[in-house]
Amino acid sequence: MTHPSDLAPLRSLIRTIPDFPEPGIQFRDITPLLADARGLTQALDALERSIEPASVDIVAAIEARGFLLAGALAQRLGAGVVPVRKPGKLPGPTLGVDYALEYGSDRLEMHVGAFASGSRVLVLDDLIATGGTAVACGELVERAGGQLIGFRFLIDLPALGGSALLAARGWGSHALLRY
């Protein structure tokens, strides 16, 4: 496992944008990290080290920032990628779950038959806050017949309770940084 002090360079690449998307929200922007080749490599290395080798068949990538990491991590793991999207973005039949955000509500959808029943699925997103998005994705994975092996995030906002919510459901998670 990566020691938190080793991740200080990653923290320096995350910028905070106050009052976005709504007043009172402190948005953690990962775009400077993504634009920095060393930082991106360090983040992917740390995420990869947090996963047992050969334990993942599919990386379920949550729209939209989760997409930016999922392909690279899945390639390193020898796994496929399944996009989990906002409503109306996927053609064909979908499974969907409505969920609450810290500043509203939304819905996630995944293609019916996106992976084989019994596939070992890792959920990946950039950040966990209240946990609504992650829980919705976990429910989609299970509804589709996947074996949910855990969640990975670049950032956890533990004061908002999302990682505790996952733990209360018996779902393991790991984040590289906490704010």
N, C-alpha and C. Protein backbone atom coordinates (compact mmCIF):
# COMPACT_ATOMS: atom_id res chain seq x y z
N MET A 1 0.85 -1.17 0.00
CA MET A 1 0.00 0.00 0.00
C MET A 1 0.90 1.24 0.00
N THR A 2 0.45 2.28 -0.62
CA THR A 2 1.22 3.52 -0.71
C THR A 2 1.08 4.31 0.59
N HIS A 3 2.20 4.82 1.09
CA HIS A 3 2.19 5.64 2.29
C HIS A 3 1.65 7.03 1.93
N PRO A 4 0.78 7.62 2.79
CA PRO A 4 0.20 8.93 2.48
C PRO A 4 1.23 10.01 2.15
N SER A 5 2.39 10.00 2.79
CA SER A 5 3.39 11.03 2.50
C SER A 5 3.93 10.90 1.08
N ASP A 6 3.88 9.69 0.52
CA ASP A 6 4.34 9.48 -0.85
C ASP A 6 3.39 10.12 -1.85
N LEU A 7 2.17 10.44 -1.41
CA LEU A 7 1.16 10.99 -2.31
C LEU A 7 1.06 12.51 -2.23
N ALA A 8 1.96 13.14 -1.48
CA ALA A 8 1.94 14.61 -1.37
C ALA A 8 2.01 15.30 -2.74
N PRO A 9 2.81 14.79 -3.68
CA PRO A 9 2.81 15.44 -5.00
C PRO A 9 1.43 15.38 -5.68
N LEU A 10 0.68 14.33 -5.44
CA LEU A 10 -0.68 14.26 -6.02
C LEU A 10 -1.57 15.33 -5.42
N ARG A 11 -1.51 15.48 -4.11
CA ARG A 11 -2.32 16.49 -3.43
C ARG A 11 -2.05 17.88 -4.01
N SER A 12 -0.79 18.15 -4.34
CA SER A 12 -0.44 19.46 -4.88
C SER A 12 -1.03 19.69 -6.27
N LEU A 13 -1.45 18.61 -6.93
CA LEU A 13 -2.03 18.71 -8.27
C LEU A 13 -3.57 18.77 -8.26
N ILE A 14 -4.17 18.74 -7.09
CA ILE A 14 -5.62 18.86 -6.97
C ILE A 14 -5.93 20.30 -6.58
N ARG A 15 -6.75 20.97 -7.36
CA ARG A 15 -7.11 22.34 -6.97
C ARG A 15 -8.53 22.36 -6.43
N THR A 16 -8.77 23.28 -5.52
CA THR A 16 -10.09 23.44 -4.92
C THR A 16 -10.75 24.66 -5.53
N ILE A 17 -11.97 24.46 -6.03
CA ILE A 17 -12.76 25.55 -6.60
C ILE A 17 -13.95 25.77 -5.69
N PRO A 18 -13.97 26.89 -4.97
CA PRO A 18 -15.09 27.13 -4.04
C PRO A 18 -16.38 27.45 -4.77
N ASP A 19 -17.49 27.04 -4.14
CA ASP A 19 -18.85 27.36 -4.61
C ASP A 19 -19.16 26.82 -6.00
N PHE A 20 -18.64 25.64 -6.32
CA PHE A 20 -18.96 24.99 -7.59
C PHE A 20 -19.36 23.55 -7.31
N PRO A 21 -20.44 23.06 -7.85
CA PRO A 21 -21.36 23.70 -8.79
C PRO A 21 -22.43 24.57 -8.11
N GLU A 22 -22.42 24.58 -6.78
CA GLU A 22 -23.39 25.37 -6.02
C GLU A 22 -22.69 26.03 -4.85
N PRO A 23 -23.26 27.10 -4.31
CA PRO A 23 -22.65 27.74 -3.13
C PRO A 23 -22.45 26.75 -1.99
N GLY A 24 -21.30 26.84 -1.35
CA GLY A 24 -20.97 25.97 -0.22
C GLY A 24 -20.22 24.71 -0.60
N ILE A 25 -20.20 24.33 -1.87
CA ILE A 25 -19.48 23.14 -2.31
C ILE A 25 -18.02 23.52 -2.59
N GLN A 26 -17.09 22.71 -2.09
CA GLN A 26 -15.67 22.87 -2.37
C GLN A 26 -15.29 21.80 -3.40
N PHE A 27 -15.32 22.14 -4.67
CA PHE A 27 -15.09 21.19 -5.75
C PHE A 27 -13.61 20.85 -5.82
N ARG A 28 -13.28 19.55 -5.79
CA ARG A 28 -11.90 19.09 -5.91
C ARG A 28 -11.65 18.75 -7.38
N ASP A 29 -10.90 19.60 -8.05
CA ASP A 29 -10.67 19.49 -9.49
C ASP A 29 -9.41 18.68 -9.77
N ILE A 30 -9.58 17.56 -10.47
CA ILE A 30 -8.45 16.68 -10.78
C ILE A 30 -7.82 16.99 -12.13
N THR A 31 -8.32 17.98 -12.87
CA THR A 31 -7.76 18.22 -14.21
C THR A 31 -6.27 18.59 -14.19
N PRO A 32 -5.76 19.34 -13.20
CA PRO A 32 -4.31 19.55 -13.19
C PRO A 32 -3.52 18.24 -13.00
N LEU A 33 -4.04 17.32 -12.21
CA LEU A 33 -3.39 16.02 -12.03
C LEU A 33 -3.39 15.24 -13.35
N LEU A 34 -4.52 15.25 -14.04
CA LEU A 34 -4.62 14.53 -15.30
C LEU A 34 -3.68 15.10 -16.35
N ALA A 35 -3.43 16.40 -16.30
CA ALA A 35 -2.57 17.07 -17.27
C ALA A 35 -1.08 16.88 -16.97
N ASP A 36 -0.76 16.36 -15.81
CA ASP A 36 0.62 16.17 -15.39
C ASP A 36 0.99 14.69 -15.57
N ALA A 37 1.84 14.38 -16.52
CA ALA A 37 2.16 12.98 -16.83
C ALA A 37 2.70 12.23 -15.61
N ARG A 38 3.58 12.85 -14.85
CA ARG A 38 4.12 12.17 -13.66
C ARG A 38 3.03 11.95 -12.62
N GLY A 39 2.22 12.97 -12.40
CA GLY A 39 1.14 12.85 -11.41
C GLY A 39 0.14 11.78 -11.81
N LEU A 40 -0.23 11.75 -13.07
CA LEU A 40 -1.17 10.74 -13.55
C LEU A 40 -0.58 9.34 -13.39
N THR A 41 0.66 9.19 -13.75
CA THR A 41 1.32 7.89 -13.60
C THR A 41 1.38 7.48 -12.14
N GLN A 42 1.73 8.42 -11.26
CA GLN A 42 1.80 8.12 -9.83
C GLN A 42 0.42 7.70 -9.30
N ALA A 43 -0.63 8.38 -9.73
CA ALA A 43 -1.98 8.04 -9.29
C ALA A 43 -2.36 6.64 -9.77
N LEU A 44 -2.10 6.35 -11.04
CA LEU A 44 -2.43 5.02 -11.57
C LEU A 44 -1.61 3.93 -10.89
N ASP A 45 -0.33 4.20 -10.64
CA ASP A 45 0.52 3.24 -9.93
C ASP A 45 -0.06 2.93 -8.55
N ALA A 46 -0.45 3.98 -7.83
CA ALA A 46 -0.99 3.79 -6.47
C ALA A 46 -2.33 3.05 -6.50
N LEU A 47 -3.17 3.38 -7.46
CA LEU A 47 -4.45 2.66 -7.58
C LEU A 47 -4.20 1.19 -7.90
N GLU A 48 -3.29 0.94 -8.83
CA GLU A 48 -2.98 -0.45 -9.21
C GLU A 48 -2.44 -1.24 -8.01
N ARG A 49 -1.57 -0.63 -7.23
CA ARG A 49 -1.00 -1.32 -6.06
C ARG A 49 -2.07 -1.65 -5.01
N SER A 50 -3.18 -0.93 -5.02
CA SER A 50 -4.23 -1.16 -4.02
C SER A 50 -5.16 -2.32 -4.38
N ILE A 51 -4.90 -2.96 -5.52
CA ILE A 51 -5.78 -4.01 -6.03
C ILE A 51 -5.01 -5.32 -6.13
N GLU A 52 -5.61 -6.37 -5.62
CA GLU A 52 -4.98 -7.69 -5.70
C GLU A 52 -4.82 -8.09 -7.17
N PRO A 53 -3.63 -8.54 -7.57
CA PRO A 53 -3.42 -8.94 -8.97
C PRO A 53 -4.42 -10.01 -9.41
N ALA A 54 -4.85 -9.91 -10.64
CA ALA A 54 -5.76 -10.88 -11.28
C ALA A 54 -7.10 -11.01 -10.57
N SER A 55 -7.54 -9.95 -9.88
CA SER A 55 -8.80 -10.03 -9.15
C SER A 55 -9.95 -9.29 -9.84
N VAL A 56 -9.68 -8.63 -10.97
CA VAL A 56 -10.67 -7.79 -11.61
C VAL A 56 -10.88 -8.24 -13.06
N ASP A 57 -12.14 -8.43 -13.43
CA ASP A 57 -12.49 -8.70 -14.83
C ASP A 57 -12.94 -7.43 -15.54
N ILE A 58 -13.63 -6.57 -14.81
CA ILE A 58 -14.24 -5.36 -15.37
C ILE A 58 -14.02 -4.18 -14.43
N VAL A 59 -13.69 -3.03 -15.00
CA VAL A 59 -13.68 -1.78 -14.25
C VAL A 59 -14.93 -1.01 -14.68
N ALA A 60 -15.82 -0.77 -13.73
CA ALA A 60 -17.03 0.02 -14.00
C ALA A 60 -16.67 1.48 -13.76
N ALA A 61 -16.69 2.27 -14.82
CA ALA A 61 -16.25 3.66 -14.77
C ALA A 61 -17.46 4.57 -14.66
N ILE A 62 -17.48 5.40 -13.62
CA ILE A 62 -18.59 6.31 -13.40
C ILE A 62 -18.35 7.61 -14.15
N GLU A 63 -19.38 8.03 -14.90
CA GLU A 63 -19.33 9.29 -15.66
C GLU A 63 -19.12 10.46 -14.73
N ALA A 64 -18.36 11.41 -15.11
CA ALA A 64 -17.54 11.46 -16.30
C ALA A 64 -16.06 11.34 -15.95
N ARG A 65 -15.67 11.84 -14.79
CA ARG A 65 -14.24 11.83 -14.48
C ARG A 65 -13.71 10.42 -14.24
N GLY A 66 -14.55 9.49 -13.83
CA GLY A 66 -14.11 8.11 -13.70
C GLY A 66 -13.67 7.53 -15.03
N PHE A 67 -14.28 8.02 -16.14
CA PHE A 67 -13.89 7.56 -17.47
C PHE A 67 -12.42 7.86 -17.75
N LEU A 68 -11.95 8.98 -17.23
CA LEU A 68 -10.60 9.45 -17.55
C LEU A 68 -9.51 8.55 -16.97
N LEU A 69 -9.84 7.78 -15.96
CA LEU A 69 -8.87 6.90 -15.32
C LEU A 69 -9.09 5.43 -15.66
N ALA A 70 -10.31 5.07 -15.98
CA ALA A 70 -10.69 3.66 -16.08
C ALA A 70 -9.97 2.88 -17.17
N GLY A 71 -9.84 3.45 -18.34
CA GLY A 71 -9.18 2.72 -19.42
C GLY A 71 -7.74 2.38 -19.09
N ALA A 72 -7.02 3.36 -18.55
CA ALA A 72 -5.62 3.13 -18.20
C ALA A 72 -5.48 2.11 -17.08
N LEU A 73 -6.33 2.23 -16.05
CA LEU A 73 -6.25 1.27 -14.94
C LEU A 73 -6.66 -0.13 -15.41
N ALA A 74 -7.72 -0.22 -16.19
CA ALA A 74 -8.17 -1.53 -16.69
C ALA A 74 -7.08 -2.19 -17.53
N GLN A 75 -6.40 -1.43 -18.37
CA GLN A 75 -5.34 -1.99 -19.19
C GLN A 75 -4.24 -2.56 -18.30
N ARG A 76 -3.87 -1.86 -17.25
CA ARG A 76 -2.85 -2.33 -16.32
C ARG A 76 -3.29 -3.61 -15.62
N LEU A 77 -4.60 -3.74 -15.36
CA LEU A 77 -5.14 -4.89 -14.63
C LEU A 77 -5.50 -6.06 -15.55
N GLY A 78 -5.42 -5.85 -16.86
CA GLY A 78 -5.84 -6.88 -17.81
C GLY A 78 -7.35 -7.08 -17.78
N ALA A 79 -8.07 -5.99 -17.56
CA ALA A 79 -9.53 -6.03 -17.42
C ALA A 79 -10.19 -5.19 -18.52
N GLY A 80 -11.50 -5.37 -18.66
CA GLY A 80 -12.30 -4.54 -19.55
C GLY A 80 -12.88 -3.36 -18.80
N VAL A 81 -13.54 -2.47 -19.55
CA VAL A 81 -14.16 -1.28 -18.98
C VAL A 81 -15.63 -1.24 -19.39
N VAL A 82 -16.48 -0.89 -18.43
CA VAL A 82 -17.90 -0.68 -18.69
C VAL A 82 -18.25 0.73 -18.24
N PRO A 83 -18.79 1.55 -19.15
CA PRO A 83 -19.20 2.89 -18.75
C PRO A 83 -20.53 2.88 -18.00
N VAL A 84 -20.57 3.65 -16.92
CA VAL A 84 -21.80 3.85 -16.15
C VAL A 84 -22.13 5.33 -16.33
N ARG A 85 -23.30 5.60 -16.97
CA ARG A 85 -23.56 6.95 -17.48
C ARG A 85 -24.81 7.57 -16.91
N LYS A 86 -24.94 8.86 -17.17
CA LYS A 86 -26.15 9.61 -16.85
C LYS A 86 -27.26 9.15 -17.80
N PRO A 87 -28.53 9.42 -17.49
CA PRO A 87 -29.64 8.93 -18.31
C PRO A 87 -29.60 9.42 -19.76
N GLY A 88 -30.03 8.52 -20.65
CA GLY A 88 -30.17 8.86 -22.05
C GLY A 88 -28.89 8.90 -22.85
N LYS A 89 -27.77 8.48 -22.29
CA LYS A 89 -26.48 8.54 -22.99
C LYS A 89 -26.08 7.22 -23.63
N LEU A 90 -26.72 6.13 -23.23
CA LEU A 90 -26.37 4.81 -23.77
C LEU A 90 -27.46 4.32 -24.72
N PRO A 91 -27.07 3.82 -25.88
CA PRO A 91 -28.07 3.25 -26.79
C PRO A 91 -28.49 1.87 -26.31
N GLY A 92 -29.66 1.45 -26.67
CA GLY A 92 -30.10 0.11 -26.32
C GLY A 92 -30.64 0.02 -24.91
N PRO A 93 -31.03 -1.19 -24.50
CA PRO A 93 -31.63 -1.38 -23.18
C PRO A 93 -30.63 -1.14 -22.06
N THR A 94 -31.11 -0.50 -20.99
CA THR A 94 -30.24 -0.19 -19.86
C THR A 94 -30.92 -0.58 -18.55
N LEU A 95 -30.09 -0.76 -17.53
CA LEU A 95 -30.52 -0.83 -16.14
C LEU A 95 -30.26 0.55 -15.56
N GLY A 96 -31.11 1.01 -14.64
CA GLY A 96 -30.90 2.32 -14.06
C GLY A 96 -31.22 2.36 -12.58
N VAL A 97 -30.57 3.29 -11.88
CA VAL A 97 -30.81 3.52 -10.45
C VAL A 97 -30.80 5.03 -10.22
N ASP A 98 -31.83 5.53 -9.53
CA ASP A 98 -31.86 6.93 -9.09
C ASP A 98 -31.10 7.04 -7.78
N TYR A 99 -30.46 8.19 -7.56
CA TYR A 99 -29.68 8.38 -6.34
C TYR A 99 -29.62 9.85 -5.96
N ALA A 100 -29.24 10.10 -4.71
CA ALA A 100 -29.12 11.47 -4.20
C ALA A 100 -27.67 11.93 -4.24
N LEU A 101 -27.47 13.19 -4.56
CA LEU A 101 -26.17 13.85 -4.50
C LEU A 101 -26.15 14.78 -3.30
N GLU A 102 -24.97 15.31 -2.98
CA GLU A 102 -24.92 16.27 -1.89
C GLU A 102 -25.61 17.57 -2.26
N TYR A 103 -25.90 17.77 -3.56
CA TYR A 103 -26.54 19.00 -4.01
C TYR A 103 -27.69 18.74 -4.97
N GLY A 104 -28.39 17.59 -4.85
CA GLY A 104 -29.53 17.30 -5.71
C GLY A 104 -29.74 15.82 -5.89
N SER A 105 -30.26 15.42 -7.05
CA SER A 105 -30.46 14.00 -7.35
C SER A 105 -30.12 13.75 -8.82
N ASP A 106 -29.92 12.47 -9.15
CA ASP A 106 -29.56 12.10 -10.51
C ASP A 106 -29.88 10.62 -10.72
N ARG A 107 -29.43 10.08 -11.82
CA ARG A 107 -29.67 8.68 -12.19
C ARG A 107 -28.43 8.17 -12.91
N LEU A 108 -28.10 6.91 -12.68
CA LEU A 108 -27.04 6.23 -13.41
C LEU A 108 -27.64 5.07 -14.20
N GLU A 109 -27.05 4.82 -15.36
CA GLU A 109 -27.49 3.70 -16.20
C GLU A 109 -26.29 2.94 -16.73
N MET A 110 -26.53 1.66 -17.00
CA MET A 110 -25.52 0.77 -17.56
C MET A 110 -26.23 -0.13 -18.56
N HIS A 111 -25.54 -0.50 -19.63
CA HIS A 111 -26.15 -1.41 -20.60
C HIS A 111 -26.54 -2.74 -19.96
N VAL A 112 -27.69 -3.25 -20.33
CA VAL A 112 -28.05 -4.63 -20.01
C VAL A 112 -27.04 -5.52 -20.72
N GLY A 113 -26.50 -6.50 -20.02
CA GLY A 113 -25.53 -7.42 -20.63
C GLY A 113 -24.15 -6.82 -20.82
N ALA A 114 -23.82 -5.77 -20.07
CA ALA A 114 -22.52 -5.10 -20.23
C ALA A 114 -21.34 -6.02 -19.87
N PHE A 115 -21.58 -7.00 -19.02
CA PHE A 115 -20.56 -7.98 -18.67
C PHE A 115 -21.24 -9.29 -18.33
N ALA A 116 -20.47 -10.36 -18.34
CA ALA A 116 -21.00 -11.69 -18.04
C ALA A 116 -21.36 -11.80 -16.56
N SER A 117 -22.43 -12.52 -16.29
CA SER A 117 -22.81 -12.78 -14.91
C SER A 117 -21.65 -13.43 -14.17
N GLY A 118 -21.40 -12.97 -12.95
CA GLY A 118 -20.30 -13.50 -12.16
C GLY A 118 -18.98 -12.77 -12.36
N SER A 119 -18.94 -11.82 -13.29
CA SER A 119 -17.71 -11.05 -13.50
C SER A 119 -17.33 -10.31 -12.22
N ARG A 120 -16.03 -10.25 -11.97
CA ARG A 120 -15.51 -9.52 -10.81
C ARG A 120 -15.33 -8.06 -11.21
N VAL A 121 -16.11 -7.19 -10.57
CA VAL A 121 -16.20 -5.80 -11.01
C VAL A 121 -15.66 -4.85 -9.93
N LEU A 122 -14.75 -3.98 -10.35
CA LEU A 122 -14.23 -2.90 -9.53
C LEU A 122 -14.87 -1.60 -10.01
N VAL A 123 -15.43 -0.82 -9.10
CA VAL A 123 -16.01 0.48 -9.44
C VAL A 123 -14.94 1.55 -9.23
N LEU A 124 -14.82 2.44 -10.22
CA LEU A 124 -13.81 3.50 -10.18
C LEU A 124 -14.44 4.85 -10.43
N ASP A 125 -14.11 5.82 -9.58
CA ASP A 125 -14.51 7.21 -9.80
C ASP A 125 -13.42 8.11 -9.23
N ASP A 126 -13.49 9.38 -9.58
CA ASP A 126 -12.46 10.30 -9.10
C ASP A 126 -12.63 10.63 -7.63
N LEU A 127 -13.88 10.66 -7.13
CA LEU A 127 -14.13 11.18 -5.79
C LEU A 127 -15.36 10.53 -5.18
N ILE A 128 -15.32 10.33 -3.86
CA ILE A 128 -16.51 9.91 -3.13
C ILE A 128 -16.83 10.99 -2.10
N ALA A 129 -18.09 11.43 -2.13
CA ALA A 129 -18.56 12.44 -1.19
C ALA A 129 -19.63 11.81 -0.30
N THR A 130 -20.90 11.97 -0.62
CA THR A 130 -21.97 11.39 0.19
C THR A 130 -22.17 9.91 -0.09
N GLY A 131 -21.64 9.43 -1.20
CA GLY A 131 -21.72 8.01 -1.53
C GLY A 131 -22.89 7.62 -2.40
N GLY A 132 -23.79 8.54 -2.70
CA GLY A 132 -24.96 8.20 -3.50
C GLY A 132 -24.62 7.63 -4.86
N THR A 133 -23.68 8.26 -5.55
CA THR A 133 -23.28 7.79 -6.87
C THR A 133 -22.63 6.42 -6.78
N ALA A 134 -21.75 6.24 -5.84
CA ALA A 134 -21.07 4.94 -5.68
C ALA A 134 -22.05 3.84 -5.33
N VAL A 135 -22.97 4.10 -4.41
CA VAL A 135 -23.98 3.10 -4.04
C VAL A 135 -24.83 2.74 -5.25
N ALA A 136 -25.26 3.74 -6.01
CA ALA A 136 -26.06 3.48 -7.21
C ALA A 136 -25.30 2.58 -8.18
N CYS A 137 -24.02 2.86 -8.37
CA CYS A 137 -23.22 2.04 -9.28
C CYS A 137 -23.06 0.62 -8.73
N GLY A 138 -22.81 0.51 -7.44
CA GLY A 138 -22.71 -0.82 -6.82
C GLY A 138 -23.99 -1.62 -7.00
N GLU A 139 -25.13 -0.96 -6.82
CA GLU A 139 -26.41 -1.63 -7.03
C GLU A 139 -26.59 -2.07 -8.48
N LEU A 140 -26.17 -1.24 -9.42
CA LEU A 140 -26.25 -1.62 -10.84
C LEU A 140 -25.39 -2.85 -11.12
N VAL A 141 -24.17 -2.85 -10.59
CA VAL A 141 -23.26 -3.99 -10.79
C VAL A 141 -23.91 -5.27 -10.26
N GLU A 142 -24.45 -5.21 -9.05
CA GLU A 142 -25.07 -6.40 -8.47
C GLU A 142 -26.33 -6.81 -9.22
N ARG A 143 -27.14 -5.85 -9.62
CA ARG A 143 -28.36 -6.14 -10.38
C ARG A 143 -28.02 -6.82 -11.70
N ALA A 144 -26.88 -6.46 -12.28
CA ALA A 144 -26.45 -7.04 -13.56
C ALA A 144 -25.77 -8.40 -13.38
N GLY A 145 -25.65 -8.87 -12.15
CA GLY A 145 -25.05 -10.18 -11.90
C GLY A 145 -23.56 -10.15 -11.66
N GLY A 146 -23.00 -8.96 -11.47
CA GLY A 146 -21.57 -8.86 -11.21
C GLY A 146 -21.23 -9.14 -9.75
N GLN A 147 -20.00 -9.58 -9.54
CA GLN A 147 -19.47 -9.76 -8.19
C GLN A 147 -18.70 -8.48 -7.87
N LEU A 148 -19.27 -7.63 -7.03
CA LEU A 148 -18.66 -6.35 -6.69
C LEU A 148 -17.47 -6.59 -5.76
N ILE A 149 -16.26 -6.31 -6.26
CA ILE A 149 -15.08 -6.58 -5.44
C ILE A 149 -14.60 -5.35 -4.67
N GLY A 150 -15.12 -4.17 -5.01
CA GLY A 150 -14.73 -2.98 -4.27
C GLY A 150 -14.80 -1.72 -5.10
N PHE A 151 -14.37 -0.63 -4.46
CA PHE A 151 -14.40 0.71 -5.05
C PHE A 151 -13.03 1.34 -4.90
N ARG A 152 -12.64 2.12 -5.90
CA ARG A 152 -11.41 2.90 -5.83
C ARG A 152 -11.73 4.33 -6.24
N PHE A 153 -11.07 5.27 -5.52
CA PHE A 153 -11.26 6.70 -5.76
C PHE A 153 -9.91 7.40 -5.64
N LEU A 154 -9.75 8.49 -6.35
CA LEU A 154 -8.59 9.34 -6.10
C LEU A 154 -8.77 10.06 -4.78
N ILE A 155 -10.01 10.55 -4.52
CA ILE A 155 -10.27 11.43 -3.38
C ILE A 155 -11.46 10.93 -2.58
N ASP A 156 -11.33 10.99 -1.26
CA ASP A 156 -12.43 10.72 -0.33
C ASP A 156 -12.66 12.00 0.49
N LEU A 157 -13.93 12.37 0.63
CA LEU A 157 -14.34 13.45 1.52
C LEU A 157 -15.05 12.79 2.69
N PRO A 158 -14.30 12.23 3.66
CA PRO A 158 -14.90 11.40 4.71
C PRO A 158 -15.94 12.12 5.55
N ALA A 159 -15.84 13.42 5.71
CA ALA A 159 -16.83 14.15 6.51
C ALA A 159 -18.22 14.08 5.91
N LEU A 160 -18.31 13.76 4.60
CA LEU A 160 -19.62 13.66 3.95
C LEU A 160 -20.21 12.25 4.03
N GLY A 161 -19.43 11.29 4.55
CA GLY A 161 -19.97 9.98 4.90
C GLY A 161 -20.06 8.91 3.84
N GLY A 162 -19.59 9.18 2.63
CA GLY A 162 -19.72 8.19 1.57
C GLY A 162 -18.96 6.90 1.80
N SER A 163 -17.71 7.00 2.21
CA SER A 163 -16.93 5.78 2.43
C SER A 163 -17.50 4.98 3.60
N ALA A 164 -18.04 5.66 4.62
CA ALA A 164 -18.70 4.96 5.74
C ALA A 164 -19.96 4.26 5.26
N LEU A 165 -20.68 4.89 4.33
CA LEU A 165 -21.89 4.28 3.77
C LEU A 165 -21.54 2.99 3.02
N LEU A 166 -20.47 3.03 2.25
CA LEU A 166 -20.03 1.81 1.54
C LEU A 166 -19.65 0.72 2.54
N ALA A 167 -18.91 1.11 3.58
CA ALA A 167 -18.49 0.14 4.60
C ALA A 167 -19.69 -0.47 5.31
N ALA A 168 -20.72 0.34 5.58
CA ALA A 168 -21.92 -0.15 6.25
C ALA A 168 -22.65 -1.19 5.39
N ARG A 169 -22.48 -1.11 4.08
CA ARG A 169 -23.09 -2.08 3.17
C ARG A 169 -22.19 -3.30 2.95
N GLY A 170 -21.01 -3.30 3.60
CA GLY A 170 -20.07 -4.41 3.43
C GLY A 170 -19.24 -4.30 2.17
N TRP A 171 -19.19 -3.12 1.58
CA TRP A 171 -18.43 -2.89 0.35
C TRP A 171 -17.12 -2.21 0.70
N GLY A 172 -16.01 -2.80 0.32
CA GLY A 172 -14.70 -2.21 0.58
C GLY A 172 -14.38 -1.09 -0.38
N SER A 173 -13.68 -0.09 0.13
CA SER A 173 -13.24 1.01 -0.73
C SER A 173 -11.87 1.49 -0.31
N HIS A 174 -11.22 2.16 -1.24
CA HIS A 174 -9.90 2.74 -0.98
C HIS A 174 -9.79 4.03 -1.78
N ALA A 175 -9.30 5.07 -1.14
CA ALA A 175 -9.04 6.35 -1.81
C ALA A 175 -7.59 6.74 -1.57
N LEU A 176 -6.99 7.40 -2.55
CA LEU A 176 -5.61 7.82 -2.40
C LEU A 176 -5.45 9.03 -1.50
N LEU A 177 -6.38 9.97 -1.59
CA LEU A 177 -6.30 11.21 -0.83
C LEU A 177 -7.58 11.46 -0.06
N ARG A 178 -7.45 12.12 1.09
CA ARG A 178 -8.62 12.50 1.89
C ARG A 178 -8.57 14.00 2.17
N TYR A 179 -9.73 14.63 2.06
CA TYR A 179 -9.85 16.06 2.34
C TYR A 179 -10.90 16.28 3.40
